[in-house]
C-alpha cells in the first residue's frame, strides 16, 4: 500500500487492490485459507481480464468502488 494521498480523498480514483490483497493476507493469517485464495484469485482474474486499464490513480478506467465491487462479485 502507498502512503497518504489527501488530494484524492473522496474522489473515487484510488486503486484499492493493495488494500484488498492485504485483507486476503489477513484472512490467510487467521486460518481462512479458502477465502484468502478466493480473494487472490479474484484479483488475478480481474487484472488478467484487462478491465482495469492502468493501476495508476485516476487511470483505471473505473472508480475505486467499481474495482472493489468487481472483486467482491468474483469472490462471492
PDB file of N, CA and C in Angstrom:
ATOM      1  N   UNK A   1       0.837  -1.168   0.000  1.00  0.00           N
ATOM      2  CA  UNK A   1       0.000   0.000   0.000  1.00  0.00           C
ATOM      3  C   UNK A   1       0.885   1.235   0.000  1.00  0.00           C
ATOM      4  N   UNK A   2       0.349   2.259  -0.605  1.00  0.00           N
ATOM      5  CA  UNK A   2       1.101   3.500  -0.704  1.00  0.00           C
ATOM      6  C   UNK A   2       0.947   4.361   0.531  1.00  0.00           C
ATOM      7  N   UNK A   3       1.441   5.539   0.422  1.00  0.00           N
ATOM      8  CA  UNK A   3       1.368   6.475   1.534  1.00  0.00           C
ATOM      9  C   UNK A   3       0.087   7.298   1.490  1.00  0.00           C
ATOM     10  N   UNK A   4       0.139   8.410   2.150  1.00  0.00           N
ATOM     11  CA  UNK A   4      -1.000   9.314   2.240  1.00  0.00           C
ATOM     12  C   UNK A   4      -1.202  10.033   0.903  1.00  0.00           C
ATOM     13  N   UNK A   5      -2.440  10.193   0.509  1.00  0.00           N
ATOM     14  CA  UNK A   5      -2.763  10.911  -0.734  1.00  0.00           C
ATOM     15  C   UNK A   5      -4.020  11.744  -0.505  1.00  0.00           C
ATOM     16  N   UNK A   6      -3.931  12.739   0.372  1.00  0.00           N
ATOM     17  CA  UNK A   6      -5.120  13.513   0.706  1.00  0.00           C
ATOM     18  C   UNK A   6      -5.766  14.214  -0.481  1.00  0.00           C
ATOM     19  N   UNK A   7      -5.006  14.489  -1.526  1.00  0.00           N
ATOM     20  CA  UNK A   7      -5.598  15.166  -2.681  1.00  0.00           C
ATOM     21  C   UNK A   7      -6.632  14.297  -3.400  1.00  0.00           C
ATOM     22  N   UNK A   8      -6.621  12.988  -3.130  1.00  0.00           N
ATOM     23  CA  UNK A   8      -7.588  12.086  -3.773  1.00  0.00           C
ATOM     24  C   UNK A   8      -8.787  11.754  -2.875  1.00  0.00           C
ATOM     25  N   UNK A   9      -8.817  12.281  -1.662  1.00  0.00           N
ATOM     26  CA  UNK A   9      -9.883  11.969  -0.719  1.00  0.00           C
ATOM     27  C   UNK A   9     -11.253  12.270  -1.320  1.00  0.00           C
ATOM     28  N   UNK A  10     -12.118  11.269  -1.300  1.00  0.00           N
ATOM     29  CA  UNK A  10     -13.491  11.419  -1.768  1.00  0.00           C
ATOM     30  C   UNK A  10     -13.660  11.490  -3.269  1.00  0.00           C
ATOM     31  N   UNK A  11     -12.617  11.245  -4.036  1.00  0.00           N
ATOM     32  CA  UNK A  11     -12.690  11.371  -5.493  1.00  0.00           C
ATOM     33  C   UNK A  11     -12.929  10.040  -6.219  1.00  0.00           C
ATOM     34  N   UNK A  12     -12.946   8.921  -5.497  1.00  0.00           N
ATOM     35  CA  UNK A  12     -13.226   7.618  -6.105  1.00  0.00           C
ATOM     36  C   UNK A  12     -12.232   7.268  -7.219  1.00  0.00           C
ATOM     37  N   UNK A  13     -10.960   7.594  -7.011  1.00  0.00           N
ATOM     38  CA  UNK A  13      -9.965   7.324  -8.048  1.00  0.00           C
ATOM     39  C   UNK A  13      -8.805   6.447  -7.592  1.00  0.00           C
ATOM     40  N   UNK A  14      -8.720   6.138  -6.303  1.00  0.00           N
ATOM     41  CA  UNK A  14      -7.591   5.360  -5.784  1.00  0.00           C
ATOM     42  C   UNK A  14      -7.771   3.874  -6.109  1.00  0.00           C
ATOM     43  N   UNK A  15      -6.678   3.238  -6.467  1.00  0.00           N
ATOM     44  CA  UNK A  15      -6.676   1.811  -6.752  1.00  0.00           C
ATOM     45  C   UNK A  15      -6.744   1.045  -5.418  1.00  0.00           C
ATOM     46  N   UNK A  16      -7.787   0.236  -5.210  1.00  0.00           N
ATOM     47  CA  UNK A  16      -7.948  -0.457  -3.933  1.00  0.00           C
ATOM     48  C   UNK A  16      -7.306  -1.847  -3.878  1.00  0.00           C
ATOM     49  N   UNK A  17      -6.634  -2.266  -4.931  1.00  0.00           N
ATOM     50  CA  UNK A  17      -6.166  -3.659  -4.986  1.00  0.00           C
ATOM     51  C   UNK A  17      -5.162  -4.023  -3.897  1.00  0.00           C
ATOM     52  N   UNK A  18      -4.279  -3.115  -3.521  1.00  0.00           N
ATOM     53  CA  UNK A  18      -3.314  -3.440  -2.459  1.00  0.00           C
ATOM     54  C   UNK A  18      -4.026  -3.651  -1.130  1.00  0.00           C
ATOM     55  N   UNK A  19      -5.029  -2.829  -0.870  1.00  0.00           N
ATOM     56  CA  UNK A  19      -5.771  -2.970   0.385  1.00  0.00           C
ATOM     57  C   UNK A  19      -6.582  -4.256   0.393  1.00  0.00           C
ATOM     58  N   UNK A  20      -7.193  -4.577  -0.744  1.00  0.00           N
ATOM     59  CA  UNK A  20      -7.958  -5.819  -0.841  1.00  0.00           C
ATOM     60  C   UNK A  20      -7.023  -7.012  -0.675  1.00  0.00           C
ATOM     61  N   UNK A  21      -5.861  -6.940  -1.294  1.00  0.00           N
ATOM     62  CA  UNK A  21      -4.879  -8.013  -1.164  1.00  0.00           C
ATOM     63  C   UNK A  21      -4.412  -8.170   0.283  1.00  0.00           C
ATOM     64  N   UNK A  22      -4.220  -7.052   0.980  1.00  0.00           N
ATOM     65  CA  UNK A  22      -3.830  -7.114   2.393  1.00  0.00           C
ATOM     66  C   UNK A  22      -4.920  -7.803   3.217  1.00  0.00           C
ATOM     67  N   UNK A  23      -6.169  -7.532   2.870  1.00  0.00           N
ATOM     68  CA  UNK A  23      -7.278  -8.220   3.544  1.00  0.00           C
ATOM     69  C   UNK A  23      -7.211  -9.721   3.313  1.00  0.00           C
ATOM     70  N   UNK A  24      -6.846 -10.117   2.089  1.00  0.00           N
ATOM     71  CA  UNK A  24      -6.675 -11.537   1.789  1.00  0.00           C
ATOM     72  C   UNK A  24      -5.550 -12.160   2.601  1.00  0.00           C
ATOM     73  N   UNK A  25      -4.450 -11.429   2.742  1.00  0.00           N
ATOM     74  CA  UNK A  25      -3.329 -11.928   3.552  1.00  0.00           C
ATOM     75  C   UNK A  25      -3.735 -12.061   5.012  1.00  0.00           C
ATOM     76  N   UNK A  26      -4.559 -11.130   5.480  1.00  0.00           N
ATOM     77  CA  UNK A  26      -5.041 -11.212   6.855  1.00  0.00           C
ATOM     78  C   UNK A  26      -5.904 -12.467   7.032  1.00  0.00           C
ATOM     79  N   UNK A  27      -6.759 -12.741   6.061  1.00  0.00           N
ATOM     80  CA  UNK A  27      -7.600 -13.943   6.132  1.00  0.00           C
ATOM     81  C   UNK A  27      -6.735 -15.198   6.189  1.00  0.00           C
ATOM     82  N   UNK A  28      -5.666 -15.219   5.401  1.00  0.00           N
ATOM     83  CA  UNK A  28      -4.758 -16.367   5.409  1.00  0.00           C
ATOM     84  C   UNK A  28      -4.100 -16.515   6.784  1.00  0.00           C
ATOM     85  N   UNK A  29      -3.649 -15.419   7.348  1.00  0.00           N
ATOM     86  CA  UNK A  29      -3.019 -15.433   8.674  1.00  0.00           C
ATOM     87  C   UNK A  29      -3.982 -15.935   9.742  1.00  0.00           C
ATOM     88  N   UNK A  30      -5.268 -15.599   9.581  1.00  0.00           N
ATOM     89  CA  UNK A  30      -6.288 -16.031  10.539  1.00  0.00           C
ATOM     90  C   UNK A  30      -6.765 -17.462  10.287  1.00  0.00           C
ATOM     91  N   UNK A  31      -6.164 -18.124   9.297  1.00  0.00           N
ATOM     92  CA  UNK A  31      -6.527 -19.510   9.007  1.00  0.00           C
ATOM     93  C   UNK A  31      -7.673 -19.667   8.035  1.00  0.00           C
ATOM     94  N   UNK A  32      -8.148 -18.568   7.465  1.00  0.00           N
ATOM     95  CA  UNK A  32      -9.249 -18.608   6.494  1.00  0.00           C
ATOM     96  C   UNK A  32      -8.660 -18.740   5.095  1.00  0.00           C
ATOM     97  N   UNK A  33      -8.057 -19.901   4.842  1.00  0.00           N
ATOM     98  CA  UNK A  33      -7.288 -20.084   3.617  1.00  0.00           C
ATOM     99  C   UNK A  33      -8.151 -20.111   2.349  1.00  0.00           C
ATOM    100  N   UNK A  34      -9.373 -20.610   2.459  1.00  0.00           N
ATOM    101  CA  UNK A  34     -10.239 -20.651   1.264  1.00  0.00           C
ATOM    102  C   UNK A  34     -10.617 -19.254   0.804  1.00  0.00           C
ATOM    103  N   UNK A  35     -11.017 -18.394   1.731  1.00  0.00           N
ATOM    104  CA  UNK A  35     -11.382 -17.030   1.349  1.00  0.00           C
ATOM    105  C   UNK A  35     -10.147 -16.261   0.891  1.00  0.00           C
ATOM    106  N   UNK A  36      -8.998 -16.512   1.525  1.00  0.00           N
ATOM    107  CA  UNK A  36      -7.751 -15.860   1.107  1.00  0.00           C
ATOM    108  C   UNK A  36      -7.427 -16.235  -0.335  1.00  0.00           C
ATOM    109  N   UNK A  37      -7.556 -17.502  -0.668  1.00  0.00           N
ATOM    110  CA  UNK A  37      -7.294 -17.955  -2.038  1.00  0.00           C
ATOM    111  C   UNK A  37      -8.307 -17.365  -3.014  1.00  0.00           C
ATOM    112  N   UNK A  38      -9.560 -17.241  -2.590  1.00  0.00           N
ATOM    113  CA  UNK A  38     -10.599 -16.677  -3.449  1.00  0.00           C
ATOM    114  C   UNK A  38     -10.319 -15.203  -3.744  1.00  0.00           C
ATOM    115  N   UNK A  39      -9.863 -14.463  -2.749  1.00  0.00           N
ATOM    116  CA  UNK A  39      -9.529 -13.055  -2.942  1.00  0.00           C
ATOM    117  C   UNK A  39      -8.345 -12.932  -3.893  1.00  0.00           C
ATOM    118  N   UNK A  40      -7.310 -13.726  -3.671  1.00  0.00           N
ATOM    119  CA  UNK A  40      -6.131 -13.701  -4.528  1.00  0.00           C
ATOM    120  C   UNK A  40      -6.498 -14.039  -5.971  1.00  0.00           C
ATOM    121  N   UNK A  41      -7.329 -15.060  -6.150  1.00  0.00           N
ATOM    122  CA  UNK A  41      -7.753 -15.456  -7.500  1.00  0.00           C
ATOM    123  C   UNK A  41      -8.580 -14.362  -8.158  1.00  0.00           C
ATOM    124  N   UNK A  42      -9.467 -13.728  -7.399  1.00  0.00           N
ATOM    125  CA  UNK A  42     -10.296 -12.652  -7.956  1.00  0.00           C
ATOM    126  C   UNK A  42      -9.427 -11.500  -8.443  1.00  0.00           C
ATOM    127  N   UNK A  43      -8.436 -11.116  -7.652  1.00  0.00           N
ATOM    128  CA  UNK A  43      -7.531 -10.041  -8.063  1.00  0.00           C
ATOM    129  C   UNK A  43      -6.796 -10.445  -9.335  1.00  0.00           C
ATOM    130  N   UNK A  44      -6.264 -11.635  -9.352  1.00  0.00           N
ATOM    131  CA  UNK A  44      -5.544 -12.128 -10.535  1.00  0.00           C
ATOM    132  C   UNK A  44      -6.451 -12.124 -11.759  1.00  0.00           C
ATOM    133  N   UNK A  45      -7.648 -12.650 -11.611  1.00  0.00           N
ATOM    134  CA  UNK A  45      -8.568 -12.753 -12.749  1.00  0.00           C
ATOM    135  C   UNK A  45      -8.995 -11.384 -13.273  1.00  0.00           C
ATOM    136  N   UNK A  46      -9.254 -10.440 -12.365  1.00  0.00           N
ATOM    137  CA  UNK A  46      -9.630  -9.094 -12.793  1.00  0.00           C
ATOM    138  C   UNK A  46      -8.471  -8.440 -13.553  1.00  0.00           C
ATOM    139  N   UNK A  47      -7.258  -8.567 -13.030  1.00  0.00           N
ATOM    140  CA  UNK A  47      -6.110  -7.989 -13.720  1.00  0.00           C
ATOM    141  C   UNK A  47      -5.877  -8.650 -15.073  1.00  0.00           C
ATOM    142  N   UNK A  48      -6.031  -9.959 -15.142  1.00  0.00           N
ATOM    143  CA  UNK A  48      -5.828 -10.684 -16.397  1.00  0.00           C
ATOM    144  C   UNK A  48      -6.901 -10.362 -17.433  1.00  0.00           C
ATOM    145  N   UNK A  49      -8.071  -9.945 -16.974  1.00  0.00           N
ATOM    146  CA  UNK A  49      -9.183  -9.678 -17.892  1.00  0.00           C
ATOM    147  C   UNK A  49      -8.997  -8.407 -18.713  1.00  0.00           C
ATOM    148  N   UNK A  50      -8.129  -7.524 -18.268  1.00  0.00           N
ATOM    149  CA  UNK A  50      -7.919  -6.271 -18.978  1.00  0.00           C
ATOM    150  C   UNK A  50      -8.960  -5.203 -18.677  1.00  0.00           C
ATOM    151  N   UNK A  51      -9.855  -5.481 -17.743  1.00  0.00           N
ATOM    152  CA  UNK A  51     -10.886  -4.498 -17.402  1.00  0.00           C
ATOM    153  C   UNK A  51     -10.312  -3.269 -16.715  1.00  0.00           C
ATOM    154  N   UNK A  52      -9.198  -3.432 -16.042  1.00  0.00           N
ATOM    155  CA  UNK A  52      -8.524  -2.303 -15.401  1.00  0.00           C
ATOM    156  C   UNK A  52      -7.431  -1.851 -16.361  1.00  0.00           C
ATOM    157  N   UNK A  53      -7.578  -0.639 -16.877  1.00  0.00           N
ATOM    158  CA  UNK A  53      -6.689  -0.127 -17.913  1.00  0.00           C
ATOM    159  C   UNK A  53      -5.299   0.239 -17.398  1.00  0.00           C
ATOM    160  N   UNK A  54      -5.212   0.691 -16.155  1.00  0.00           N
ATOM    161  CA  UNK A  54      -3.945   1.093 -15.548  1.00  0.00           C
ATOM    162  C   UNK A  54      -4.081   0.913 -14.041  1.00  0.00           C
ATOM    163  N   UNK A  55      -2.968   0.766 -13.353  1.00  0.00           N
ATOM    164  CA  UNK A  55      -3.006   0.670 -11.897  1.00  0.00           C
ATOM    165  C   UNK A  55      -2.839   2.035 -11.238  1.00  0.00           C
ATOM    166  N   UNK A  56      -2.645   3.078 -12.027  1.00  0.00           N
ATOM    167  CA  UNK A  56      -2.437   4.423 -11.504  1.00  0.00           C
ATOM    168  C   UNK A  56      -3.758   5.066 -11.076  1.00  0.00           C
ATOM    169  N   UNK A  57      -3.682   5.874 -10.033  1.00  0.00           N
ATOM    170  CA  UNK A  57      -4.861   6.586  -9.541  1.00  0.00           C
ATOM    171  C   UNK A  57      -5.455   7.443 -10.655  1.00  0.00           C
ATOM    172  N   UNK A  58      -6.759   7.300 -10.851  1.00  0.00           N
ATOM    173  CA  UNK A  58      -7.454   8.079 -11.850  1.00  0.00           C
ATOM    174  C   UNK A  58      -7.330   7.578 -13.273  1.00  0.00           C
ATOM    175  N   UNK A  59      -6.606   6.489 -13.471  1.00  0.00           N
ATOM    176  CA  UNK A  59      -6.387   5.968 -14.829  1.00  0.00           C
ATOM    177  C   UNK A  59      -6.840   4.519 -14.987  1.00  0.00           C
ATOM    178  N   UNK A  60      -7.604   4.030 -14.018  1.00  0.00           N
ATOM    179  CA  UNK A  60      -8.014   2.619 -14.040  1.00  0.00           C
ATOM    180  C   UNK A  60      -9.101   2.334 -15.067  1.00  0.00           C
ATOM    181  N   UNK A  61      -9.822   3.374 -15.490  1.00  0.00           N
ATOM    182  CA  UNK A  61     -10.952   3.160 -16.390  1.00  0.00           C
ATOM    183  C   UNK A  61     -12.240   2.905 -15.630  1.00  0.00           C
ATOM    184  N   UNK A  62     -12.157   2.912 -14.327  1.00  0.00           N
ATOM    185  CA  UNK A  62     -13.303   2.778 -13.429  1.00  0.00           C
ATOM    186  C   UNK A  62     -12.884   3.334 -12.082  1.00  0.00           C
ATOM    187  N   UNK A  63     -13.838   3.566 -11.202  1.00  0.00           N
ATOM    188  CA  UNK A  63     -13.541   4.136  -9.902  1.00  0.00           C
ATOM    189  C   UNK A  63     -13.168   3.101  -8.858  1.00  0.00           C
ATOM    190  N   UNK A  64     -12.750   3.601  -7.720  1.00  0.00           N
ATOM    191  CA  UNK A  64     -12.375   2.759  -6.586  1.00  0.00           C
ATOM    192  C   UNK A  64     -13.506   1.796  -6.225  1.00  0.00           C
ATOM    193  N   UNK A  65     -14.730   2.331  -6.106  1.00  0.00           N
ATOM    194  CA  UNK A  65     -15.875   1.494  -5.731  1.00  0.00           C
ATOM    195  C   UNK A  65     -16.144   0.419  -6.767  1.00  0.00           C
ATOM    196  N   UNK A  66     -16.033   0.768  -8.050  1.00  0.00           N
ATOM    197  CA  UNK A  66     -16.300  -0.209  -9.104  1.00  0.00           C
ATOM    198  C   UNK A  66     -15.274  -1.345  -9.101  1.00  0.00           C
ATOM    199  N   UNK A  67     -14.021  -1.002  -8.857  1.00  0.00           N
ATOM    200  CA  UNK A  67     -12.987  -2.045  -8.755  1.00  0.00           C
ATOM    201  C   UNK A  67     -13.285  -2.951  -7.565  1.00  0.00           C
ATOM    202  N   UNK A  68     -13.591  -2.359  -6.423  1.00  0.00           N
ATOM    203  CA  UNK A  68     -13.926  -3.149  -5.230  1.00  0.00           C
ATOM    204  C   UNK A  68     -15.140  -4.028  -5.458  1.00  0.00           C
ATOM    205  N   UNK A  69     -16.170  -3.472  -6.101  1.00  0.00           N
ATOM    206  CA  UNK A  69     -17.380  -4.255  -6.392  1.00  0.00           C
ATOM    207  C   UNK A  69     -17.079  -5.412  -7.340  1.00  0.00           C
ATOM    208  N   UNK A  70     -16.212  -5.164  -8.324  1.00  0.00           N
ATOM    209  CA  UNK A  70     -15.847  -6.218  -9.277  1.00  0.00           C
ATOM    210  C   UNK A  70     -15.141  -7.377  -8.561  1.00  0.00           C
ATOM    211  N   UNK A  71     -14.215  -7.051  -7.673  1.00  0.00           N
ATOM    212  CA  UNK A  71     -13.511  -8.083  -6.906  1.00  0.00           C
ATOM    213  C   UNK A  71     -14.502  -8.823  -5.999  1.00  0.00           C
ATOM    214  N   UNK A  72     -15.349  -8.064  -5.304  1.00  0.00           N
ATOM    215  CA  UNK A  72     -16.314  -8.682  -4.397  1.00  0.00           C
ATOM    216  C   UNK A  72     -17.247  -9.642  -5.135  1.00  0.00           C
ATOM    217  N   UNK A  73     -17.675  -9.258  -6.312  1.00  0.00           N
ATOM    218  CA  UNK A  73     -18.560 -10.115  -7.108  1.00  0.00           C
ATOM    219  C   UNK A  73     -17.860 -11.428  -7.482  1.00  0.00           C
ATOM    220  N   UNK A  74     -16.571 -11.354  -7.780  1.00  0.00           N
ATOM    221  CA  UNK A  74     -15.830 -12.554  -8.162  1.00  0.00           C
ATOM    222  C   UNK A  74     -15.538 -13.457  -6.970  1.00  0.00           C
ATOM    223  N   UNK A  75     -15.474 -12.872  -5.764  1.00  0.00           N
ATOM    224  CA  UNK A  75     -15.199 -13.665  -4.560  1.00  0.00           C
ATOM    225  C   UNK A  75     -16.464 -14.392  -4.099  1.00  0.00           C
ATOM    226  N   UNK A  76     -17.627 -13.744  -4.266  1.00  0.00           N
ATOM    227  CA  UNK A  76     -18.867 -14.338  -3.742  1.00  0.00           C
ATOM    228  C   UNK A  76     -19.339 -15.546  -4.502  1.00  0.00           C
TER     229      UNK A  76
END
